[in-house]
């Protein structure tokens, strides 16, 4: 199958290749055999990444490892949760983690969902929504029935302006009380420098890096219910990351009237190449009546 994706949708092929490449390593950090299968079947010139994608492979593998772990922890705590994967691309997490019984929604642009549908099938619990995440009408298509909600947004928000993200996060905080989110943040020094990214610069229509914050806590000013909770540094998680300083973290949404407790956010870097820093954030929203977290 020949793929003609452009712009942001084409970046899903970079992440797919990186997971497949990481799986083929002698001592793999992750095991994504589905990604290996898809790379083999998709008619796309993945060879363009082979000689320059070492850090991309390692970064995506560590990101995948941490996201899998943290999502697993959340699902263990909330087995009835609804998972909403924003900008899903060709993410294999639903299959790889054996989440057949989880009410899971993959949201992405129509061309990305069309490609996904060639490899995955919808079920009573597994759903595809073909539209932009910024078209908030997708909210009406998901029935949460007062269950916990977990959002995933991997390799996504750096391609949007803050003027788009602020109202987006505010709407989520106000609509999904009790929700949690894991997402990645680009270091602001990389904003406007996508052409220097080792694999992004290899695609024909590379999108721009538009957003990243020096201090993650600045997001708390976007809405009184947003709170940063935690961050995980890629380098600390896996010393093989070398000079790359990449982080995952946690953030929660709270009702502005009610507080479940106090939390701190610690920015962690290895002191090197600050411009390579990313964050994976964890967002939580709780209403005044109950908290989905133990304090």
Protein backbone atom coordinates (compact mmCIF):
# COMPACT_ATOMS: atom_id res chain seq x y z
CA UNK A 1 0.00 0.00 0.00
CA UNK A 2 1.48 3.33 -1.07
CA UNK A 3 1.08 6.12 1.46
CA UNK A 4 0.94 9.81 0.52
CA UNK A 5 0.54 11.32 3.97
CA UNK A 6 1.79 14.87 4.42
CA UNK A 7 2.34 17.29 7.29
CA UNK A 8 1.45 16.13 10.80
CA UNK A 9 -0.11 12.82 9.62
CA UNK A 10 3.20 11.81 8.00
CA UNK A 11 4.94 12.02 11.39
CA UNK A 12 3.03 8.91 12.49
CA UNK A 13 5.25 6.95 10.12
CA UNK A 14 8.36 8.20 11.95
CA UNK A 15 7.04 6.96 15.30
CA UNK A 16 5.99 3.66 13.72
CA UNK A 17 9.42 3.15 12.17
CA UNK A 18 11.16 4.04 15.44
CA UNK A 19 9.17 1.45 17.42
CA UNK A 20 9.83 -1.19 14.79
CA UNK A 21 13.52 -0.30 14.68
CA UNK A 22 13.74 -0.39 18.48
CA UNK A 23 12.11 -3.82 18.51
CA UNK A 24 14.73 -5.16 16.10
CA UNK A 25 17.64 -4.14 18.34
CA UNK A 26 19.79 -6.82 19.99
CA UNK A 27 18.63 -5.78 23.47
CA UNK A 28 15.28 -4.08 22.82
CA UNK A 29 13.69 -1.70 25.32
CA UNK A 30 10.26 -2.45 23.87
CA UNK A 31 8.69 -5.28 21.90
CA UNK A 32 6.33 -4.00 19.22
CA UNK A 33 6.00 -6.79 16.68
CA UNK A 34 2.88 -5.17 15.24
CA UNK A 35 4.96 -2.11 14.30
CA UNK A 36 7.50 -4.38 12.58
CA UNK A 37 4.66 -5.98 10.62
CA UNK A 38 3.19 -2.63 9.55
CA UNK A 39 6.54 -1.19 8.44
CA UNK A 40 7.00 -4.27 6.28
CA UNK A 41 3.56 -3.89 4.66
CA UNK A 42 3.36 -0.11 4.16
CA UNK A 43 4.75 1.16 0.87
CA UNK A 44 6.82 4.05 2.17
CA UNK A 45 10.52 4.85 1.99
CA UNK A 46 11.45 4.15 5.61
CA UNK A 47 15.10 3.79 4.59
CA UNK A 48 15.44 7.58 4.73
CA UNK A 49 15.57 7.28 8.55
CA UNK A 50 18.06 4.42 8.78
CA UNK A 51 21.30 6.39 8.92
CA UNK A 52 20.12 9.29 11.06
CA UNK A 53 17.43 7.96 13.37
CA UNK A 54 19.41 6.59 16.32
CA UNK A 55 18.24 9.17 18.86
CA UNK A 56 14.70 9.09 17.50
CA UNK A 57 14.60 5.31 17.91
CA UNK A 58 15.89 5.49 21.45
CA UNK A 59 13.66 8.41 22.46
CA UNK A 60 10.48 6.84 21.07
CA UNK A 61 11.35 3.50 22.69
CA UNK A 62 11.84 5.08 26.13
CA UNK A 63 8.71 7.17 25.69
CA UNK A 64 6.76 4.03 24.78
CA UNK A 65 8.16 2.11 27.74
CA UNK A 66 7.21 4.80 30.25
CA UNK A 67 3.79 5.46 28.73
CA UNK A 68 3.00 1.74 28.76
CA UNK A 69 4.03 1.52 32.39
CA UNK A 70 2.12 4.57 33.57
CA UNK A 71 -1.01 3.69 31.60
CA UNK A 72 -0.85 0.17 33.02
CA UNK A 73 -0.69 1.64 36.54
CA UNK A 74 -3.72 3.83 35.85
CA UNK A 75 -5.74 0.98 34.37
CA UNK A 76 -4.87 -1.23 37.32
CA UNK A 77 -6.22 1.48 39.58
CA UNK A 78 -9.23 2.23 37.35
CA UNK A 79 -10.07 -0.93 35.37
CA UNK A 80 -13.37 0.58 34.19
CA UNK A 81 -11.68 3.68 32.74
CA UNK A 82 -12.40 5.05 29.27
CA UNK A 83 -9.19 5.64 27.28
CA UNK A 84 -9.13 8.44 24.69
CA UNK A 85 -6.03 8.44 22.49
CA UNK A 86 -5.62 11.87 20.87
CA UNK A 87 -3.71 11.97 17.60
CA UNK A 88 -3.51 8.19 17.72
CA UNK A 89 -1.60 7.73 14.46
CA UNK A 90 -0.51 4.09 14.21
CA UNK A 91 -0.08 3.63 17.94
CA UNK A 92 -0.23 -0.11 18.78
CA UNK A 93 -0.71 0.32 22.52
CA UNK A 94 -4.27 -1.04 22.62
CA UNK A 95 -3.14 -4.31 21.02
CA UNK A 96 0.30 -4.48 22.61
CA UNK A 97 -1.05 -4.07 26.13
CA UNK A 98 -3.96 -6.45 25.62
CA UNK A 99 -6.67 -3.87 26.28
CA UNK A 100 -9.49 -5.66 24.45
CA UNK A 101 -11.89 -5.19 27.36
CA UNK A 102 -11.09 -1.48 27.82
CA UNK A 103 -13.46 1.10 26.31
CA UNK A 104 -10.87 2.71 24.05
CA UNK A 105 -11.23 5.53 21.48
CA UNK A 106 -8.64 6.41 18.82
CA UNK A 107 -9.00 9.99 17.54
CA UNK A 108 -7.11 11.29 14.52
CA UNK A 109 -7.54 12.96 11.15
CA UNK A 110 -9.48 10.98 8.52
CA UNK A 111 -6.40 10.02 6.47
CA UNK A 112 -4.68 8.65 9.57
CA UNK A 113 -7.74 6.69 10.69
CA UNK A 114 -8.13 5.29 7.16
CA UNK A 115 -4.59 3.88 7.37
CA UNK A 116 -5.19 2.58 10.90
CA UNK A 117 -8.29 0.74 9.76
CA UNK A 118 -6.16 -1.37 7.41
CA UNK A 119 -4.40 -2.93 10.37
CA UNK A 120 -6.92 -2.74 13.22
CA UNK A 121 -10.66 -3.42 13.44
CA UNK A 122 -13.22 -1.68 15.58
CA UNK A 123 -15.14 -3.70 18.17
CA UNK A 124 -17.80 -3.05 20.79
CA UNK A 125 -15.03 -1.66 23.02
CA UNK A 126 -12.58 -0.30 20.45
CA UNK A 127 -13.62 2.78 18.47
CA UNK A 128 -12.17 5.08 15.78
CA UNK A 129 -13.13 8.76 15.47
CA UNK A 130 -11.94 10.37 12.22
CA UNK A 131 -11.66 14.08 12.96
CA UNK A 132 -9.32 16.70 14.35
CA UNK A 133 -8.96 16.77 18.12
CA UNK A 134 -9.70 20.51 17.90
CA UNK A 135 -13.14 19.75 16.51
CA UNK A 136 -14.59 19.27 19.96
CA UNK A 137 -17.73 17.61 18.63
CA UNK A 138 -15.92 14.29 19.23
CA UNK A 139 -16.86 14.73 22.88
CA UNK A 140 -20.49 14.00 22.00
CA UNK A 141 -19.45 10.67 20.43
CA UNK A 142 -17.95 9.25 23.62
CA UNK A 143 -20.14 7.93 26.40
CA UNK A 144 -18.21 7.92 29.66
CA UNK A 145 -21.20 7.19 31.94
CA UNK A 146 -19.41 8.78 34.92
CA UNK A 147 -16.46 6.41 34.53
CA UNK A 148 -12.82 7.56 34.94
CA UNK A 149 -11.28 8.95 31.75
CA UNK A 150 -7.64 8.62 30.69
CA UNK A 151 -6.30 10.74 27.82
CA UNK A 152 -3.16 9.90 25.85
CA UNK A 153 -1.41 12.43 23.59
CA UNK A 154 1.94 11.17 22.33
CA UNK A 155 4.10 13.29 20.02
CA UNK A 156 1.20 15.64 19.34
CA UNK A 157 0.92 19.00 21.09
CA UNK A 158 4.22 20.40 19.81
CA UNK A 159 2.56 20.83 16.41
CA UNK A 160 -0.12 23.23 17.70
CA UNK A 161 -0.09 26.86 18.76
CA UNK A 162 -0.69 27.79 22.39
CA UNK A 163 -3.72 29.79 21.24
CA UNK A 164 -5.21 26.46 20.13
CA UNK A 165 -4.08 24.43 23.13
CA UNK A 166 -5.30 26.75 25.90
CA UNK A 167 -9.01 26.51 25.01
CA UNK A 168 -8.57 22.82 24.21
CA UNK A 169 -7.22 22.03 27.69
CA UNK A 170 -9.78 24.29 29.33
CA UNK A 171 -12.62 22.45 27.59
CA UNK A 172 -11.25 19.09 28.71
CA UNK A 173 -10.88 20.30 32.29
CA UNK A 174 -14.46 21.55 32.34
CA UNK A 175 -16.02 18.63 30.48
CA UNK A 176 -14.20 15.58 31.84
CA UNK A 177 -14.19 16.04 35.59
CA UNK A 178 -11.92 13.39 37.06
CA UNK A 179 -9.98 12.85 33.83
CA UNK A 180 -6.26 12.16 33.62
CA UNK A 181 -3.88 12.80 30.74
CA UNK A 182 -0.43 11.64 29.73
CA UNK A 183 1.20 13.88 27.16
CA UNK A 184 4.55 14.96 25.80
CA UNK A 185 5.95 18.49 25.81
CA UNK A 186 8.70 19.88 23.63
CA UNK A 187 11.36 22.13 25.14
CA UNK A 188 10.73 25.71 23.93
CA UNK A 189 14.20 26.09 22.45
CA UNK A 190 13.16 23.60 19.75
CA UNK A 191 10.11 25.64 18.76
CA UNK A 192 10.61 26.75 15.17
CA UNK A 193 13.51 24.34 14.66
CA UNK A 194 11.82 21.23 13.29
CA UNK A 195 14.18 21.38 10.31
CA UNK A 196 17.00 20.41 12.68
CA UNK A 197 15.26 17.28 14.00
CA UNK A 198 17.19 14.22 12.77
CA UNK A 199 14.20 12.36 11.28
CA UNK A 200 11.55 15.06 10.87
CA UNK A 201 13.80 16.89 8.43
CA UNK A 202 13.81 13.75 6.27
CA UNK A 203 10.12 13.87 5.37
CA UNK A 204 8.85 15.83 2.39
CA UNK A 205 6.46 18.20 4.21
CA UNK A 206 7.71 18.43 7.77
CA UNK A 207 5.35 20.32 10.09
CA UNK A 208 6.69 23.07 12.34
CA UNK A 209 7.37 22.74 16.06
CA UNK A 210 5.03 25.39 17.48
CA UNK A 211 4.75 24.87 21.23
CA UNK A 212 6.76 24.03 24.31
CA UNK A 213 7.09 25.52 27.78
CA UNK A 214 10.24 26.22 29.78
CA UNK A 215 8.27 25.79 32.99
CA UNK A 216 5.52 23.18 32.82
CA UNK A 217 3.72 24.86 35.71
CA UNK A 218 2.84 27.73 33.39
CA UNK A 219 -0.01 25.51 32.22
CA UNK A 220 -1.65 25.92 35.63
CA UNK A 221 -2.45 29.52 34.65
CA UNK A 222 -4.49 28.31 31.69
CA UNK A 223 -7.32 27.09 33.88
CA UNK A 224 -7.75 27.03 37.68
CA UNK A 225 -8.30 23.27 37.54
CA UNK A 226 -4.93 22.31 35.98
CA UNK A 227 -2.13 21.07 38.23
CA UNK A 228 1.22 19.54 37.29
CA UNK A 229 1.89 16.43 39.35
CA UNK A 230 5.03 14.63 38.18
CA UNK A 231 7.68 14.28 35.50
CA UNK A 232 9.98 11.46 34.46
CA UNK A 233 13.32 12.13 32.83
CA UNK A 234 14.14 9.86 29.88
CA UNK A 235 17.82 9.92 30.78
CA UNK A 236 17.14 8.91 34.39
CA UNK A 237 14.84 6.13 33.21
CA UNK A 238 17.35 4.71 30.78
CA UNK A 239 21.02 5.68 31.04
CA UNK A 240 21.56 4.54 27.46
CA UNK A 241 19.85 7.73 26.34
CA UNK A 242 23.28 9.36 26.39
CA UNK A 243 23.27 13.12 25.99
CA UNK A 244 19.59 13.31 25.14
CA UNK A 245 17.60 14.85 27.98
CA UNK A 246 14.00 13.74 27.57
CA UNK A 247 11.27 13.69 30.21
CA UNK A 248 7.88 12.25 30.99
CA UNK A 249 5.72 13.76 33.70
CA UNK A 250 2.40 14.03 35.48
CA UNK A 251 -0.24 16.74 35.65
CA UNK A 252 -3.81 16.83 37.00
CA UNK A 253 -6.93 18.88 36.41
CA UNK A 254 -8.84 19.92 39.54
CA UNK A 255 -12.11 21.67 40.09
CA UNK A 256 -11.10 25.23 41.08
CA UNK A 257 -13.20 25.01 44.27
CA UNK A 258 -12.12 21.58 45.48
CA UNK A 259 -8.62 20.26 46.20
CA UNK A 260 -7.68 16.67 46.86
CA UNK A 261 -4.23 17.57 48.13
CA UNK A 262 -1.04 19.36 47.24
CA UNK A 263 1.42 18.12 44.64
CA UNK A 264 4.75 19.33 43.37
CA UNK A 265 6.29 19.39 39.93
CA UNK A 266 10.03 18.87 39.61
CA UNK A 267 11.75 19.63 36.32
CA UNK A 268 14.53 17.12 35.78
CA UNK A 269 17.28 17.29 33.20
CA UNK A 270 20.74 15.79 33.02
CA UNK A 271 22.28 19.22 32.62
CA UNK A 272 23.22 18.55 29.00
CA UNK A 273 21.69 19.54 25.69
CA UNK A 274 18.71 21.25 27.28
CA UNK A 275 17.31 21.80 23.78
CA UNK A 276 16.59 18.05 23.46
CA UNK A 277 14.28 18.01 26.46
CA UNK A 278 10.73 16.68 26.13
CA UNK A 279 8.13 16.02 28.79
CA UNK A 280 5.38 13.48 29.08
CA UNK A 281 2.74 15.03 31.27
CA UNK A 282 -0.03 13.42 33.27
CA UNK A 283 -3.15 15.54 33.64
CA UNK A 284 -5.93 14.84 36.14
CA UNK A 285 -9.29 16.47 36.72
CA UNK A 286 -11.32 15.82 39.88
CA UNK A 287 -14.65 17.30 40.91
CA UNK A 288 -15.58 18.47 44.37
CA UNK A 289 -17.31 15.23 45.27
CA UNK A 290 -14.69 12.61 44.60
CA UNK A 291 -11.06 12.09 43.65
CA UNK A 292 -9.83 9.33 41.40
CA UNK A 293 -6.54 9.38 43.26
CA UNK A 294 -5.56 8.28 46.74
CA UNK A 295 -3.99 11.16 48.61
